[in-house]
Amino acid sequence: MKDRHLSKTEMAKQMQTSRASLDRLLDPSNDAVTLATLQKAAAVVGREIRLELI
């Protein structure tokens, strides 16, 4: 978010979610994050999610 100069409000808007939802995503103590939400956030900041089981 810092590299792309995105505020939380703008990030939430681009993810098509609420600011409160983004706050939950960014809260390190919240372990109830879905892969779909992580994927949306990653896409907004130009990244992708990779999940690997070894």
PDB file of N, CA and C in Angstrom:
ATOM      1  N   MET A   1       0.827  -1.187   0.000  1.00  0.00           N
ATOM      2  CA  MET A   1       0.000   0.000   0.000  1.00  0.00           C
ATOM      3  C   MET A   1       0.871   1.250   0.000  1.00  0.00           C
ATOM      4  N   LYS A   2       1.950   1.217   0.768  1.00  0.00           N
ATOM      5  CA  LYS A   2       2.833   2.382   0.821  1.00  0.00           C
ATOM      6  C   LYS A   2       3.475   2.645  -0.533  1.00  0.00           C
ATOM      7  N   ASP A   3       3.954   1.582  -1.183  1.00  0.00           N
ATOM      8  CA  ASP A   3       4.609   1.748  -2.484  1.00  0.00           C
ATOM      9  C   ASP A   3       3.665   2.338  -3.523  1.00  0.00           C
ATOM     10  N   ARG A   4       2.391   2.003  -3.438  1.00  0.00           N
ATOM     11  CA  ARG A   4       1.402   2.499  -4.405  1.00  0.00           C
ATOM     12  C   ARG A   4       0.663   3.733  -3.892  1.00  0.00           C
ATOM     13  N   HIS A   5       1.081   4.224  -2.720  1.00  0.00           N
ATOM     14  CA  HIS A   5       0.484   5.419  -2.119  1.00  0.00           C
ATOM     15  C   HIS A   5      -1.034   5.284  -1.986  1.00  0.00           C
ATOM     16  N   LEU A   6      -1.470   4.135  -1.479  1.00  0.00           N
ATOM     17  CA  LEU A   6      -2.894   3.871  -1.293  1.00  0.00           C
ATOM     18  C   LEU A   6      -3.286   4.064   0.162  1.00  0.00           C
ATOM     19  N   SER A   7      -4.332   4.823   0.373  1.00  0.00           N
ATOM     20  CA  SER A   7      -4.900   4.917   1.715  1.00  0.00           C
ATOM     21  C   SER A   7      -5.754   3.677   1.953  1.00  0.00           C
ATOM     22  N   LYS A   8      -6.128   3.454   3.195  1.00  0.00           N
ATOM     23  CA  LYS A   8      -6.995   2.319   3.497  1.00  0.00           C
ATOM     24  C   LYS A   8      -8.338   2.474   2.789  1.00  0.00           C
ATOM     25  N   THR A   9      -8.835   3.687   2.734  1.00  0.00           N
ATOM     26  CA  THR A   9     -10.121   3.927   2.089  1.00  0.00           C
ATOM     27  C   THR A   9     -10.047   3.599   0.602  1.00  0.00           C
ATOM     28  N   GLU A  10      -8.991   4.043  -0.070  1.00  0.00           N
ATOM     29  CA  GLU A  10      -8.841   3.769  -1.501  1.00  0.00           C
ATOM     30  C   GLU A  10      -8.602   2.283  -1.750  1.00  0.00           C
ATOM     31  N   MET A  11      -7.817   1.654  -0.909  1.00  0.00           N
ATOM     32  CA  MET A  11      -7.575   0.211  -1.052  1.00  0.00           C
ATOM     33  C   MET A  11      -8.890  -0.557  -0.915  1.00  0.00           C
ATOM     34  N   ALA A  12      -9.681  -0.219   0.079  1.00  0.00           N
ATOM     35  CA  ALA A  12     -10.972  -0.889   0.279  1.00  0.00           C
ATOM     36  C   ALA A  12     -11.880  -0.677  -0.928  1.00  0.00           C
ATOM     37  N   LYS A  13     -11.883   0.537  -1.456  1.00  0.00           N
ATOM     38  CA  LYS A  13     -12.714   0.821  -2.622  1.00  0.00           C
ATOM     39  C   LYS A  13     -12.287  -0.037  -3.812  1.00  0.00           C
ATOM     40  N   GLN A  14     -11.009  -0.164  -4.052  1.00  0.00           N
ATOM     41  CA  GLN A  14     -10.519  -0.964  -5.170  1.00  0.00           C
ATOM     42  C   GLN A  14     -10.773  -2.453  -4.965  1.00  0.00           C
ATOM     43  N   MET A  15     -10.820  -2.885  -3.714  1.00  0.00           N
ATOM     44  CA  MET A  15     -11.142  -4.283  -3.405  1.00  0.00           C
ATOM     45  C   MET A  15     -12.650  -4.524  -3.424  1.00  0.00           C
ATOM     46  N   GLN A  16     -13.424  -3.470  -3.554  1.00  0.00           N
ATOM     47  CA  GLN A  16     -14.886  -3.529  -3.493  1.00  0.00           C
ATOM     48  C   GLN A  16     -15.359  -4.132  -2.171  1.00  0.00           C
ATOM     49  N   THR A  17     -14.791  -3.597  -1.091  1.00  0.00           N
ATOM     50  CA  THR A  17     -15.145  -4.041   0.253  1.00  0.00           C
ATOM     51  C   THR A  17     -15.199  -2.824   1.167  1.00  0.00           C
ATOM     52  N   SER A  18     -15.496  -3.034   2.419  1.00  0.00           N
ATOM     53  CA  SER A  18     -15.573  -1.921   3.372  1.00  0.00           C
ATOM     54  C   SER A  18     -14.214  -1.657   4.001  1.00  0.00           C
ATOM     55  N   ARG A  19     -14.086  -0.480   4.549  1.00  0.00           N
ATOM     56  CA  ARG A  19     -12.861  -0.115   5.255  1.00  0.00           C
ATOM     57  C   ARG A  19     -12.695  -1.016   6.488  1.00  0.00           C
ATOM     58  N   ALA A  20     -13.795  -1.346   7.155  1.00  0.00           N
ATOM     59  CA  ALA A  20     -13.744  -2.227   8.329  1.00  0.00           C
ATOM     60  C   ALA A  20     -13.229  -3.606   7.938  1.00  0.00           C
ATOM     61  N   SER A  21     -13.645  -4.105   6.783  1.00  0.00           N
ATOM     62  CA  SER A  21     -13.171  -5.404   6.303  1.00  0.00           C
ATOM     63  C   SER A  21     -11.670  -5.367   6.034  1.00  0.00           C
ATOM     64  N   LEU A  22     -11.207  -4.278   5.453  1.00  0.00           N
ATOM     65  CA  LEU A  22      -9.769  -4.128   5.210  1.00  0.00           C
ATOM     66  C   LEU A  22      -9.008  -4.052   6.531  1.00  0.00           C
ATOM     67  N   ASP A  23      -9.556  -3.347   7.509  1.00  0.00           N
ATOM     68  CA  ASP A  23      -8.916  -3.279   8.829  1.00  0.00           C
ATOM     69  C   ASP A  23      -8.776  -4.677   9.434  1.00  0.00           C
ATOM     70  N   ARG A  24      -9.810  -5.515   9.281  1.00  0.00           N
ATOM     71  CA  ARG A  24      -9.720  -6.894   9.784  1.00  0.00           C
ATOM     72  C   ARG A  24      -8.630  -7.664   9.040  1.00  0.00           C
ATOM     73  N   LEU A  25      -8.537  -7.459   7.731  1.00  0.00           N
ATOM     74  CA  LEU A  25      -7.510  -8.132   6.937  1.00  0.00           C
ATOM     75  C   LEU A  25      -6.102  -7.751   7.405  1.00  0.00           C
ATOM     76  N   LEU A  26      -5.920  -6.489   7.725  1.00  0.00           N
ATOM     77  CA  LEU A  26      -4.597  -5.992   8.124  1.00  0.00           C
ATOM     78  C   LEU A  26      -4.270  -6.235   9.593  1.00  0.00           C
ATOM     79  N   ASP A  27      -5.230  -6.719  10.354  1.00  0.00           N
ATOM     80  CA  ASP A  27      -5.029  -6.991  11.785  1.00  0.00           C
ATOM     81  C   ASP A  27      -4.293  -8.319  11.943  1.00  0.00           C
ATOM     82  N   PRO A  28      -3.045  -8.290  12.441  1.00  0.00           N
ATOM     83  CA  PRO A  28      -2.273  -9.535  12.559  1.00  0.00           C
ATOM     84  C   PRO A  28      -2.866 -10.542  13.541  1.00  0.00           C
ATOM     85  N   SER A  29      -3.729 -10.100  14.435  1.00  0.00           N
ATOM     86  CA  SER A  29      -4.336 -11.042  15.380  1.00  0.00           C
ATOM     87  C   SER A  29      -5.592 -11.713  14.821  1.00  0.00           C
ATOM     88  N   ASN A  30      -6.041 -11.279  13.658  1.00  0.00           N
ATOM     89  CA  ASN A  30      -7.236 -11.861  13.038  1.00  0.00           C
ATOM     90  C   ASN A  30      -6.816 -13.022  12.141  1.00  0.00           C
ATOM     91  N   ASP A  31      -7.206 -14.227  12.502  1.00  0.00           N
ATOM     92  CA  ASP A  31      -6.824 -15.400  11.705  1.00  0.00           C
ATOM     93  C   ASP A  31      -7.986 -15.924  10.866  1.00  0.00           C
ATOM     94  N   ALA A  32      -9.050 -15.128  10.720  1.00  0.00           N
ATOM     95  CA  ALA A  32     -10.219 -15.543   9.949  1.00  0.00           C
ATOM     96  C   ALA A  32     -10.248 -14.865   8.577  1.00  0.00           C
ATOM     97  N   VAL A  33      -9.112 -14.845   7.912  1.00  0.00           N
ATOM     98  CA  VAL A  33      -9.005 -14.217   6.597  1.00  0.00           C
ATOM     99  C   VAL A  33      -9.181 -15.291   5.531  1.00  0.00           C
ATOM    100  N   THR A  34      -9.976 -14.988   4.511  1.00  0.00           N
ATOM    101  CA  THR A  34     -10.184 -15.963   3.446  1.00  0.00           C
ATOM    102  C   THR A  34      -9.167 -15.769   2.325  1.00  0.00           C
ATOM    103  N   LEU A  35      -8.953 -16.820   1.568  1.00  0.00           N
ATOM    104  CA  LEU A  35      -8.053 -16.724   0.421  1.00  0.00           C
ATOM    105  C   LEU A  35      -8.600 -15.744  -0.614  1.00  0.00           C
ATOM    106  N   ALA A  36      -9.904 -15.687  -0.764  1.00  0.00           N
ATOM    107  CA  ALA A  36     -10.506 -14.760  -1.726  1.00  0.00           C
ATOM    108  C   ALA A  36     -10.188 -13.309  -1.350  1.00  0.00           C
ATOM    109  N   THR A  37     -10.260 -12.999  -0.071  1.00  0.00           N
ATOM    110  CA  THR A  37      -9.948 -11.649   0.383  1.00  0.00           C
ATOM    111  C   THR A  37      -8.472 -11.340   0.176  1.00  0.00           C
ATOM    112  N   LEU A  38      -7.614 -12.290   0.491  1.00  0.00           N
ATOM    113  CA  LEU A  38      -6.178 -12.103   0.268  1.00  0.00           C
ATOM    114  C   LEU A  38      -5.876 -11.897  -1.209  1.00  0.00           C
ATOM    115  N   GLN A  39      -6.574 -12.624  -2.071  1.00  0.00           N
ATOM    116  CA  GLN A  39      -6.354 -12.500  -3.505  1.00  0.00           C
ATOM    117  C   GLN A  39      -6.762 -11.114  -3.987  1.00  0.00           C
ATOM    118  N   LYS A  40      -7.876 -10.598  -3.514  1.00  0.00           N
ATOM    119  CA  LYS A  40      -8.320  -9.257  -3.889  1.00  0.00           C
ATOM    120  C   LYS A  40      -7.297  -8.208  -3.469  1.00  0.00           C
ATOM    121  N   ALA A  41      -6.819  -8.322  -2.240  1.00  0.00           N
ATOM    122  CA  ALA A  41      -5.841  -7.368  -1.730  1.00  0.00           C
ATOM    123  C   ALA A  41      -4.544  -7.450  -2.523  1.00  0.00           C
ATOM    124  N   ALA A  42      -4.092  -8.647  -2.814  1.00  0.00           N
ATOM    125  CA  ALA A  42      -2.865  -8.829  -3.581  1.00  0.00           C
ATOM    126  C   ALA A  42      -2.998  -8.217  -4.968  1.00  0.00           C
ATOM    127  N   ALA A  43      -4.132  -8.415  -5.608  1.00  0.00           N
ATOM    128  CA  ALA A  43      -4.344  -7.877  -6.950  1.00  0.00           C
ATOM    129  C   ALA A  43      -4.295  -6.352  -6.959  1.00  0.00           C
ATOM    130  N   VAL A  44      -4.860  -5.730  -5.935  1.00  0.00           N
ATOM    131  CA  VAL A  44      -4.874  -4.273  -5.864  1.00  0.00           C
ATOM    132  C   VAL A  44      -3.462  -3.709  -5.765  1.00  0.00           C
ATOM    133  N   VAL A  45      -2.585  -4.405  -5.052  1.00  0.00           N
ATOM    134  CA  VAL A  45      -1.210  -3.904  -4.899  1.00  0.00           C
ATOM    135  C   VAL A  45      -0.243  -4.530  -5.907  1.00  0.00           C
ATOM    136  N   GLY A  46      -0.788  -5.206  -6.923  1.00  0.00           N
ATOM    137  CA  GLY A  46       0.050  -5.733  -8.000  1.00  0.00           C
ATOM    138  C   GLY A  46       0.809  -6.999  -7.658  1.00  0.00           C
ATOM    139  N   ARG A  47       0.261  -7.771  -6.758  1.00  0.00           N
ATOM    140  CA  ARG A  47       0.894  -9.032  -6.348  1.00  0.00           C
ATOM    141  C   ARG A  47      -0.044 -10.183  -6.602  1.00  0.00           C
ATOM    142  N   GLU A  48       0.427 -11.396  -6.378  1.00  0.00           N
ATOM    143  CA  GLU A  48      -0.416 -12.574  -6.490  1.00  0.00           C
ATOM    144  C   GLU A  48      -0.178 -13.473  -5.299  1.00  0.00           C
ATOM    145  N   ILE A  49      -1.143 -14.323  -5.021  1.00  0.00           N
ATOM    146  CA  ILE A  49      -1.056 -15.282  -3.923  1.00  0.00           C
ATOM    147  C   ILE A  49      -0.626 -16.618  -4.495  1.00  0.00           C
ATOM    148  N   ARG A  50       0.328 -17.232  -3.857  1.00  0.00           N
ATOM    149  CA  ARG A  50       0.741 -18.597  -4.205  1.00  0.00           C
ATOM    150  C   ARG A  50       0.621 -19.451  -2.962  1.00  0.00           C
ATOM    151  N   LEU A  51      -0.072 -20.555  -3.106  1.00  0.00           N
ATOM    152  CA  LEU A  51      -0.264 -21.482  -2.014  1.00  0.00           C
ATOM    153  C   LEU A  51       0.390 -22.784  -2.404  1.00  0.00           C
ATOM    154  N   GLU A  52       1.292 -23.261  -1.556  1.00  0.00           N
ATOM    155  CA  GLU A  52       2.027 -24.470  -1.889  1.00  0.00           C
ATOM    156  C   GLU A  52       1.972 -25.452  -0.732  1.00  0.00           C
ATOM    157  N   LEU A  53       1.578 -26.674  -1.015  1.00  0.00           N
ATOM    158  CA  LEU A  53       1.600 -27.728  -0.026  1.00  0.00           C
ATOM    159  C   LEU A  53       2.764 -28.644  -0.364  1.00  0.00           C
ATOM    160  N   ILE A  54       3.591 -28.898   0.602  1.00  0.00           N
ATOM    161  CA  ILE A  54       4.778 -29.734   0.371  1.00  0.00           C
ATOM    162  C   ILE A  54       4.686 -30.968   1.224  1.00  0.00           C
TER     163      ILE A  54
END
